[in-house]
Amino acid sequence: MNFEINQFNSMLDSFNYMCGSFAGNMVSNLEKMQKAYNQAVCLFAEQEKALQTQLTSQNSLQKQKDAALQQFEKTNEDLDLKIQTFESQISQLKSEIASLQQQIQQLNASTAIHQTQITQTKQAQINPLLLKKHSMYEKMLRLRIEPSFASIKLVFTGISKFKPEKEFWAEFGTGDTVTVIGISNELVGVEQFVDECQLTGNFGLLVRRVRRGFSQQYGQTK
């Protein structure tokens, strides 16, 4: 009887040991599982945070894109409006330029007519006076006078003893001041002759000075 009790106690001890060992393993496994679970939760939280950050960044980027697109569309609208305004202004300027060109053409035509009238009047008043004033020199000085609107040309012959038919000429402007426009041969002192005529108003003296100058310089030339 005692043997059986001892055997039973031994079996009970073994069972208790096995139960304790199993419980220890269970606790260890539960701790490992809890640790793994906690790590998984942390990893999930980190991934969720990363995804949330990425989503926030994408939303911010999308907002920036939307804002840029709106600004671009507004800029295009402003440019279209400015282009329309410029086109309208250009069209108006072209119209004004065309009108001004027409006015200028009319003014030029009117000016040309007025200038022609002035020219005809001056030729009718001035040239006959000059011709009358100096006609006496034509035969005496072997002089031919060729007047025009703004100048008078004096053509002399009989200067050269060897070639009396050779022409020597000098052309003078007859505006507000007497000026030398052209001359057939270089003539020393011609500017002084013109200044003297300008001071005295004696055009006949200028004619005589020019002929005498030609005769002195070219009278003996062949």
C-alpha atoms as a PDB file:
ATOM      1  CA  MET A   1       0.000   0.000   0.000  1.00  0.00           C
ATOM      2  CA  ASN A   2       2.837   2.355   0.874  1.00  0.00           C
ATOM      3  CA  PHE A   3       4.495   1.454  -2.406  1.00  0.00           C
ATOM      4  CA  GLU A   4       1.510   2.515  -4.371  1.00  0.00           C
ATOM      5  CA  ILE A   5       1.279   5.799  -2.516  1.00  0.00           C
ATOM      6  CA  ASN A   6       4.925   6.510  -3.158  1.00  0.00           C
ATOM      7  CA  GLN A   7       4.521   5.626  -6.803  1.00  0.00           C
ATOM      8  CA  PHE A   8       1.536   7.909  -7.038  1.00  0.00           C
ATOM      9  CA  ASN A   9       3.452  10.748  -5.396  1.00  0.00           C
ATOM     10  CA  SER A  10       6.297  10.204  -7.810  1.00  0.00           C
ATOM     11  CA  MET A  11       3.921  10.342 -10.750  1.00  0.00           C
ATOM     12  CA  LEU A  12       2.312  13.452  -9.296  1.00  0.00           C
ATOM     13  CA  ASP A  13       5.707  15.125  -8.961  1.00  0.00           C
ATOM     14  CA  SER A  14       6.527  14.238 -12.548  1.00  0.00           C
ATOM     15  CA  PHE A  15       3.214  15.666 -13.683  1.00  0.00           C
ATOM     16  CA  ASN A  16       3.768  18.827 -11.690  1.00  0.00           C
ATOM     17  CA  TYR A  17       7.241  19.170 -13.209  1.00  0.00           C
ATOM     18  CA  MET A  18       5.867  18.653 -16.667  1.00  0.00           C
ATOM     19  CA  CYS A  19       3.125  21.167 -15.995  1.00  0.00           C
ATOM     20  CA  GLY A  20       5.628  23.672 -14.647  1.00  0.00           C
ATOM     21  CA  SER A  21       7.914  23.138 -17.592  1.00  0.00           C
ATOM     22  CA  PHE A  22       5.013  23.494 -20.015  1.00  0.00           C
ATOM     23  CA  ALA A  23       3.821  26.621 -18.240  1.00  0.00           C
ATOM     24  CA  GLY A  24       7.333  28.084 -18.393  1.00  0.00           C
ATOM     25  CA  ASN A  25       7.536  27.366 -22.087  1.00  0.00           C
ATOM     26  CA  MET A  26       4.105  28.873 -22.580  1.00  0.00           C
ATOM     27  CA  VAL A  27       5.121  32.040 -20.726  1.00  0.00           C
ATOM     28  CA  SER A  28       8.351  32.272 -22.747  1.00  0.00           C
ATOM     29  CA  ASN A  29       6.455  31.730 -25.975  1.00  0.00           C
ATOM     30  CA  LEU A  30       3.854  34.293 -24.976  1.00  0.00           C
ATOM     31  CA  GLU A  31       6.595  36.831 -24.197  1.00  0.00           C
ATOM     32  CA  LYS A  32       8.209  36.172 -27.571  1.00  0.00           C
ATOM     33  CA  MET A  33       4.852  36.475 -29.285  1.00  0.00           C
ATOM     34  CA  GLN A  34       4.122  39.706 -27.373  1.00  0.00           C
ATOM     35  CA  LYS A  35       7.529  41.099 -28.364  1.00  0.00           C
ATOM     36  CA  ALA A  36       6.994  40.126 -31.987  1.00  0.00           C
ATOM     37  CA  TYR A  37       3.528  41.647 -31.860  1.00  0.00           C
ATOM     38  CA  ASN A  38       4.884  44.879 -30.397  1.00  0.00           C
ATOM     39  CA  GLN A  39       7.580  45.022 -33.083  1.00  0.00           C
ATOM     40  CA  ALA A  40       4.939  44.427 -35.749  1.00  0.00           C
ATOM     41  CA  VAL A  41       2.779  47.185 -34.287  1.00  0.00           C
ATOM     42  CA  CYS A  42       5.750  49.588 -34.218  1.00  0.00           C
ATOM     43  CA  LEU A  43       6.685  48.680 -37.794  1.00  0.00           C
ATOM     44  CA  PHE A  44       3.100  49.144 -38.907  1.00  0.00           C
ATOM     45  CA  ALA A  45       2.966  52.494 -37.133  1.00  0.00           C
ATOM     46  CA  GLU A  46       6.197  53.607 -38.810  1.00  0.00           C
ATOM     47  CA  GLN A  47       4.940  52.481 -42.222  1.00  0.00           C
ATOM     48  CA  GLU A  48       1.634  54.213 -41.597  1.00  0.00           C
ATOM     49  CA  LYS A  49       3.468  57.387 -40.599  1.00  0.00           C
ATOM     50  CA  ALA A  50       5.690  57.182 -43.683  1.00  0.00           C
ATOM     51  CA  LEU A  51       2.655  56.651 -45.907  1.00  0.00           C
ATOM     52  CA  GLN A  52       0.864  59.531 -44.222  1.00  0.00           C
ATOM     53  CA  THR A  53       3.912  61.768 -44.737  1.00  0.00           C
ATOM     54  CA  GLN A  54       4.130  60.699 -48.386  1.00  0.00           C
ATOM     55  CA  LEU A  55       0.422  61.312 -48.835  1.00  0.00           C
ATOM     56  CA  THR A  56       0.744  64.740 -47.219  1.00  0.00           C
ATOM     57  CA  SER A  57       3.699  65.536 -49.487  1.00  0.00           C
ATOM     58  CA  GLN A  58       1.764  64.377 -52.544  1.00  0.00           C
ATOM     59  CA  ASN A  59      -1.227  66.463 -51.495  1.00  0.00           C
ATOM     60  CA  SER A  60       1.036  69.482 -50.990  1.00  0.00           C
ATOM     61  CA  LEU A  61       2.673  68.882 -54.362  1.00  0.00           C
ATOM     62  CA  GLN A  62      -0.717  68.528 -56.006  1.00  0.00           C
ATOM     63  CA  LYS A  63      -1.836  71.770 -54.404  1.00  0.00           C
ATOM     64  CA  GLN A  64       1.301  73.468 -55.718  1.00  0.00           C
ATOM     65  CA  LYS A  65       0.624  72.042 -59.175  1.00  0.00           C
ATOM     66  CA  ASP A  66      -2.980  73.201 -59.025  1.00  0.00           C
ATOM     67  CA  ALA A  67      -1.905  76.670 -57.874  1.00  0.00           C
ATOM     68  CA  ALA A  68       0.737  76.849 -60.624  1.00  0.00           C
ATOM     69  CA  LEU A  69      -1.831  75.736 -63.197  1.00  0.00           C
ATOM     70  CA  GLN A  70      -4.284  78.372 -62.019  1.00  0.00           C
ATOM     71  CA  GLN A  71      -1.561  81.023 -62.149  1.00  0.00           C
ATOM     72  CA  PHE A  72      -0.562  79.878 -65.642  1.00  0.00           C
ATOM     73  CA  GLU A  73      -4.164  80.022 -66.831  1.00  0.00           C
ATOM     74  CA  LYS A  74      -4.569  83.482 -65.291  1.00  0.00           C
ATOM     75  CA  THR A  75      -1.327  84.641 -66.921  1.00  0.00           C
ATOM     76  CA  ASN A  76      -2.544  83.334 -70.280  1.00  0.00           C
ATOM     77  CA  GLU A  77      -5.815  85.191 -69.847  1.00  0.00           C
ATOM     78  CA  ASP A  78      -3.917  88.379 -68.992  1.00  0.00           C
ATOM     79  CA  LEU A  79      -1.646  87.899 -72.019  1.00  0.00           C
ATOM     80  CA  ASP A  80      -4.629  87.316 -74.293  1.00  0.00           C
ATOM     81  CA  LEU A  81      -6.223  90.496 -72.977  1.00  0.00           C
ATOM     82  CA  LYS A  82      -2.991  92.461 -73.475  1.00  0.00           C
ATOM     83  CA  ILE A  83      -2.573  91.060 -76.991  1.00  0.00           C
ATOM     84  CA  GLN A  84      -6.115  92.083 -77.856  1.00  0.00           C
ATOM     85  CA  THR A  85      -5.441  95.555 -76.447  1.00  0.00           C
ATOM     86  CA  PHE A  86      -2.157  95.842 -78.392  1.00  0.00           C
ATOM     87  CA  GLU A  87      -3.834  94.668 -81.600  1.00  0.00           C
ATOM     88  CA  SER A  88      -6.537  97.277 -81.121  1.00  0.00           C
ATOM     89  CA  GLN A  89      -3.920  99.980 -80.484  1.00  0.00           C
ATOM     90  CA  ILE A  90      -1.862  98.866 -83.497  1.00  0.00           C
ATOM     91  CA  SER A  91      -4.951  98.964 -85.692  1.00  0.00           C
ATOM     92  CA  GLN A  92      -5.747 102.457 -84.421  1.00  0.00           C
ATOM     93  CA  LEU A  93      -2.142 103.587 -84.992  1.00  0.00           C
ATOM     94  CA  LYS A  94      -2.190 102.208 -88.540  1.00  0.00           C
ATOM     95  CA  SER A  95      -5.366 104.145 -89.186  1.00  0.00           C
ATOM     96  CA  GLU A  96      -3.817 107.322 -87.750  1.00  0.00           C
ATOM     97  CA  ILE A  97      -0.618 106.792 -89.767  1.00  0.00           C
ATOM     98  CA  ALA A  98      -2.641 106.328 -92.956  1.00  0.00           C
ATOM     99  CA  SER A  99      -4.539 109.530 -92.172  1.00  0.00           C
ATOM    100  CA  LEU A 100      -1.284 111.406 -91.477  1.00  0.00           C
ATOM    101  CA  GLN A 101       0.269 110.096 -94.690  1.00  0.00           C
ATOM    102  CA  GLN A 102      -2.742 111.340 -96.612  1.00  0.00           C
ATOM    103  CA  GLN A 103      -2.474 114.730 -94.906  1.00  0.00           C
ATOM    104  CA  ILE A 104       1.263 114.852 -95.685  1.00  0.00           C
ATOM    105  CA  GLN A 105       0.593 114.057 -99.341  1.00  0.00           C
ATOM    106  CA  GLN A 106      -2.006 116.802 -99.472  1.00  0.00           C
ATOM    107  CA  LEU A 107       0.378 119.206 -97.721  1.00  0.00           C
ATOM    108  CA  ASN A 108       3.215 118.297-100.113  1.00  0.00           C
ATOM    109  CA  ALA A 109       0.939 118.840-103.081  1.00  0.00           C
ATOM    110  CA  SER A 110      -0.209 122.176-101.664  1.00  0.00           C
ATOM    111  CA  THR A 111       3.391 123.162-100.886  1.00  0.00           C
ATOM    112  CA  ALA A 112       4.515 122.224-104.400  1.00  0.00           C
ATOM    113  CA  ILE A 113       1.759 124.346-105.904  1.00  0.00           C
ATOM    114  CA  HIS A 114       2.619 127.234-103.580  1.00  0.00           C
ATOM    115  CA  GLN A 115       6.342 126.894-104.341  1.00  0.00           C
ATOM    116  CA  THR A 116       5.619 126.876-108.058  1.00  0.00           C
ATOM    117  CA  GLN A 117       3.588 130.036-107.671  1.00  0.00           C
ATOM    118  CA  ILE A 118       6.395 131.688-105.679  1.00  0.00           C
ATOM    119  CA  THR A 119       8.961 130.568-108.257  1.00  0.00           C
ATOM    120  CA  GLN A 120       6.941 131.948-111.102  1.00  0.00           C
ATOM    121  CA  THR A 121       6.403 135.207-109.213  1.00  0.00           C
ATOM    122  CA  LYS A 122      10.104 135.602-108.393  1.00  0.00           C
ATOM    123  CA  GLN A 123      11.124 134.740-111.929  1.00  0.00           C
ATOM    124  CA  ALA A 124       8.645 137.289-113.216  1.00  0.00           C
ATOM    125  CA  GLN A 125       9.890 139.963-110.786  1.00  0.00           C
ATOM    126  CA  ILE A 126      13.596 139.325-110.218  1.00  0.00           C
ATOM    127  CA  ASN A 127      15.035 137.853-113.400  1.00  0.00           C
ATOM    128  CA  PRO A 128      13.812 140.615-115.723  1.00  0.00           C
ATOM    129  CA  LEU A 129      15.312 143.174-113.340  1.00  0.00           C
ATOM    130  CA  LEU A 130      18.658 141.415-113.395  1.00  0.00           C
ATOM    131  CA  LEU A 131      18.537 141.059-117.148  1.00  0.00           C
ATOM    132  CA  LYS A 132      17.669 144.710-117.571  1.00  0.00           C
ATOM    133  CA  LYS A 133      20.319 145.830-115.105  1.00  0.00           C
ATOM    134  CA  HIS A 134      23.123 143.912-116.774  1.00  0.00           C
ATOM    135  CA  SER A 135      22.063 143.783-120.417  1.00  0.00           C
ATOM    136  CA  MET A 136      24.441 146.635-121.242  1.00  0.00           C
ATOM    137  CA  TYR A 137      27.376 144.426-120.334  1.00  0.00           C
ATOM    138  CA  GLU A 138      26.512 141.694-122.815  1.00  0.00           C
ATOM    139  CA  LYS A 139      27.868 143.399-125.898  1.00  0.00           C
ATOM    140  CA  MET A 140      30.546 145.467-124.235  1.00  0.00           C
ATOM    141  CA  LEU A 141      31.992 142.601-122.192  1.00  0.00           C
ATOM    142  CA  ARG A 142      31.120 139.832-124.646  1.00  0.00           C
ATOM    143  CA  LEU A 143      28.974 138.394-121.879  1.00  0.00           C
ATOM    144  CA  ARG A 144      26.050 135.989-121.944  1.00  0.00           C
ATOM    145  CA  ILE A 145      23.780 135.957-118.907  1.00  0.00           C
ATOM    146  CA  GLU A 146      21.927 132.729-118.061  1.00  0.00           C
ATOM    147  CA  PRO A 147      19.528 133.421-115.180  1.00  0.00           C
ATOM    148  CA  SER A 148      17.555 130.812-113.217  1.00  0.00           C
ATOM    149  CA  PHE A 149      15.329 130.837-110.165  1.00  0.00           C
ATOM    150  CA  ALA A 150      18.050 131.002-107.523  1.00  0.00           C
ATOM    151  CA  SER A 151      21.224 131.764-109.467  1.00  0.00           C
ATOM    152  CA  ILE A 152      22.735 133.646-112.359  1.00  0.00           C
ATOM    153  CA  LYS A 153      25.447 132.303-114.657  1.00  0.00           C
ATOM    154  CA  LEU A 154      27.901 134.666-116.359  1.00  0.00           C
ATOM    155  CA  VAL A 155      29.478 133.244-119.523  1.00  0.00           C
ATOM    156  CA  PHE A 156      32.384 135.214-121.013  1.00  0.00           C
ATOM    157  CA  THR A 157      34.052 134.879-124.419  1.00  0.00           C
ATOM    158  CA  GLY A 158      37.017 136.733-125.885  1.00  0.00           C
ATOM    159  CA  ILE A 159      39.126 136.054-122.802  1.00  0.00           C
ATOM    160  CA  SER A 160      41.885 134.069-124.487  1.00  0.00           C
ATOM    161  CA  LYS A 161      43.674 135.881-127.318  1.00  0.00           C
ATOM    162  CA  PHE A 162      44.485 132.560-128.916  1.00  0.00           C
ATOM    163  CA  LYS A 163      40.992 131.045-128.497  1.00  0.00           C
ATOM    164  CA  PRO A 164      38.546 133.955-128.295  1.00  0.00           C
ATOM    165  CA  GLU A 165      35.572 131.598-128.709  1.00  0.00           C
ATOM    166  CA  LYS A 166      36.488 129.653-125.545  1.00  0.00           C
ATOM    167  CA  GLU A 167      33.968 130.193-122.768  1.00  0.00           C
ATOM    168  CA  PHE A 168      34.831 131.081-119.187  1.00  0.00           C
ATOM    169  CA  TRP A 169      31.950 131.134-116.756  1.00  0.00           C
ATOM    170  CA  ALA A 170      31.063 131.694-113.137  1.00  0.00           C
ATOM    171  CA  GLU A 171      27.720 130.970-111.473  1.00  0.00           C
ATOM    172  CA  PHE A 172      26.491 132.881-108.414  1.00  0.00           C
ATOM    173  CA  GLY A 173      23.607 132.278-106.047  1.00  0.00           C
ATOM    174  CA  THR A 174      21.143 135.170-105.892  1.00  0.00           C
ATOM    175  CA  GLY A 175      19.404 134.426-102.606  1.00  0.00           C
ATOM    176  CA  ASP A 176      19.688 136.518 -99.467  1.00  0.00           C
ATOM    177  CA  THR A 177      23.451 136.514 -99.975  1.00  0.00           C
ATOM    178  CA  VAL A 178      25.568 136.272-103.123  1.00  0.00           C
ATOM    179  CA  THR A 179      27.562 133.034-103.198  1.00  0.00           C
ATOM    180  CA  VAL A 180      29.800 131.215-105.656  1.00  0.00           C
ATOM    181  CA  ILE A 181      28.013 128.094-106.912  1.00  0.00           C
ATOM    182  CA  GLY A 182      30.432 127.049-109.644  1.00  0.00           C
ATOM    183  CA  ILE A 183      33.243 128.306-111.846  1.00  0.00           C
ATOM    184  CA  SER A 184      34.811 126.994-115.046  1.00  0.00           C
ATOM    185  CA  ASN A 185      38.421 127.843-114.141  1.00  0.00           C
ATOM    186  CA  GLU A 186      40.121 128.652-110.881  1.00  0.00           C
ATOM    187  CA  LEU A 187      39.932 132.381-110.284  1.00  0.00           C
ATOM    188  CA  VAL A 188      42.121 134.098-107.708  1.00  0.00           C
ATOM    189  CA  GLY A 189      40.222 136.568-105.515  1.00  0.00           C
ATOM    190  CA  VAL A 190      36.712 135.511-106.539  1.00  0.00           C
ATOM    191  CA  GLU A 191      35.602 135.253-102.898  1.00  0.00           C
ATOM    192  CA  GLN A 192      36.794 138.817-102.300  1.00  0.00           C
ATOM    193  CA  PHE A 193      34.841 139.953-105.370  1.00  0.00           C
ATOM    194  CA  VAL A 194      31.708 138.335-103.928  1.00  0.00           C
ATOM    195  CA  ASP A 195      32.239 139.934-100.500  1.00  0.00           C
ATOM    196  CA  GLU A 196      32.656 143.335-102.147  1.00  0.00           C
ATOM    197  CA  CYS A 197      29.436 142.822-104.096  1.00  0.00           C
ATOM    198  CA  GLN A 198      27.660 141.775-100.924  1.00  0.00           C
ATOM    199  CA  LEU A 199      28.779 144.940 -99.119  1.00  0.00           C
ATOM    200  CA  THR A 200      28.112 147.412-101.918  1.00  0.00           C
ATOM    201  CA  GLY A 201      25.199 145.725-103.669  1.00  0.00           C
ATOM    202  CA  ASN A 202      26.937 146.538-106.973  1.00  0.00           C
ATOM    203  CA  PHE A 203      26.524 143.392-109.070  1.00  0.00           C
ATOM    204  CA  GLY A 204      27.922 145.138-112.148  1.00  0.00           C
ATOM    205  CA  LEU A 205      31.203 145.625-110.309  1.00  0.00           C
ATOM    206  CA  LEU A 206      31.311 141.875-109.594  1.00  0.00           C
ATOM    207  CA  VAL A 207      30.849 141.168-113.322  1.00  0.00           C
ATOM    208  CA  ARG A 208      33.735 143.449-114.253  1.00  0.00           C
ATOM    209  CA  ARG A 209      35.984 142.004-111.528  1.00  0.00           C
ATOM    210  CA  VAL A 210      35.347 138.450-112.718  1.00  0.00           C
ATOM    211  CA  ARG A 211      36.025 139.274-116.383  1.00  0.00           C
ATOM    212  CA  ARG A 212      39.187 141.158-115.529  1.00  0.00           C
ATOM    213  CA  GLY A 213      40.357 138.260-113.344  1.00  0.00           C
ATOM    214  CA  PHE A 214      39.784 135.730-116.127  1.00  0.00           C
ATOM    215  CA  SER A 215      41.583 137.997-118.619  1.00  0.00           C
ATOM    216  CA  GLN A 216      44.607 138.464-116.358  1.00  0.00           C
ATOM    217  CA  GLN A 217      44.955 134.766-115.581  1.00  0.00           C
ATOM    218  CA  TYR A 218      43.976 133.141-118.872  1.00  0.00           C
ATOM    219  CA  GLY A 219      44.296 135.873-121.529  1.00  0.00           C
ATOM    220  CA  GLN A 220      47.642 134.549-122.763  1.00  0.00           C
ATOM    221  CA  THR A 221      46.785 130.836-122.531  1.00  0.00           C
ATOM    222  CA  LYS A 222      46.442 128.715-125.633  1.00  0.00           C
END
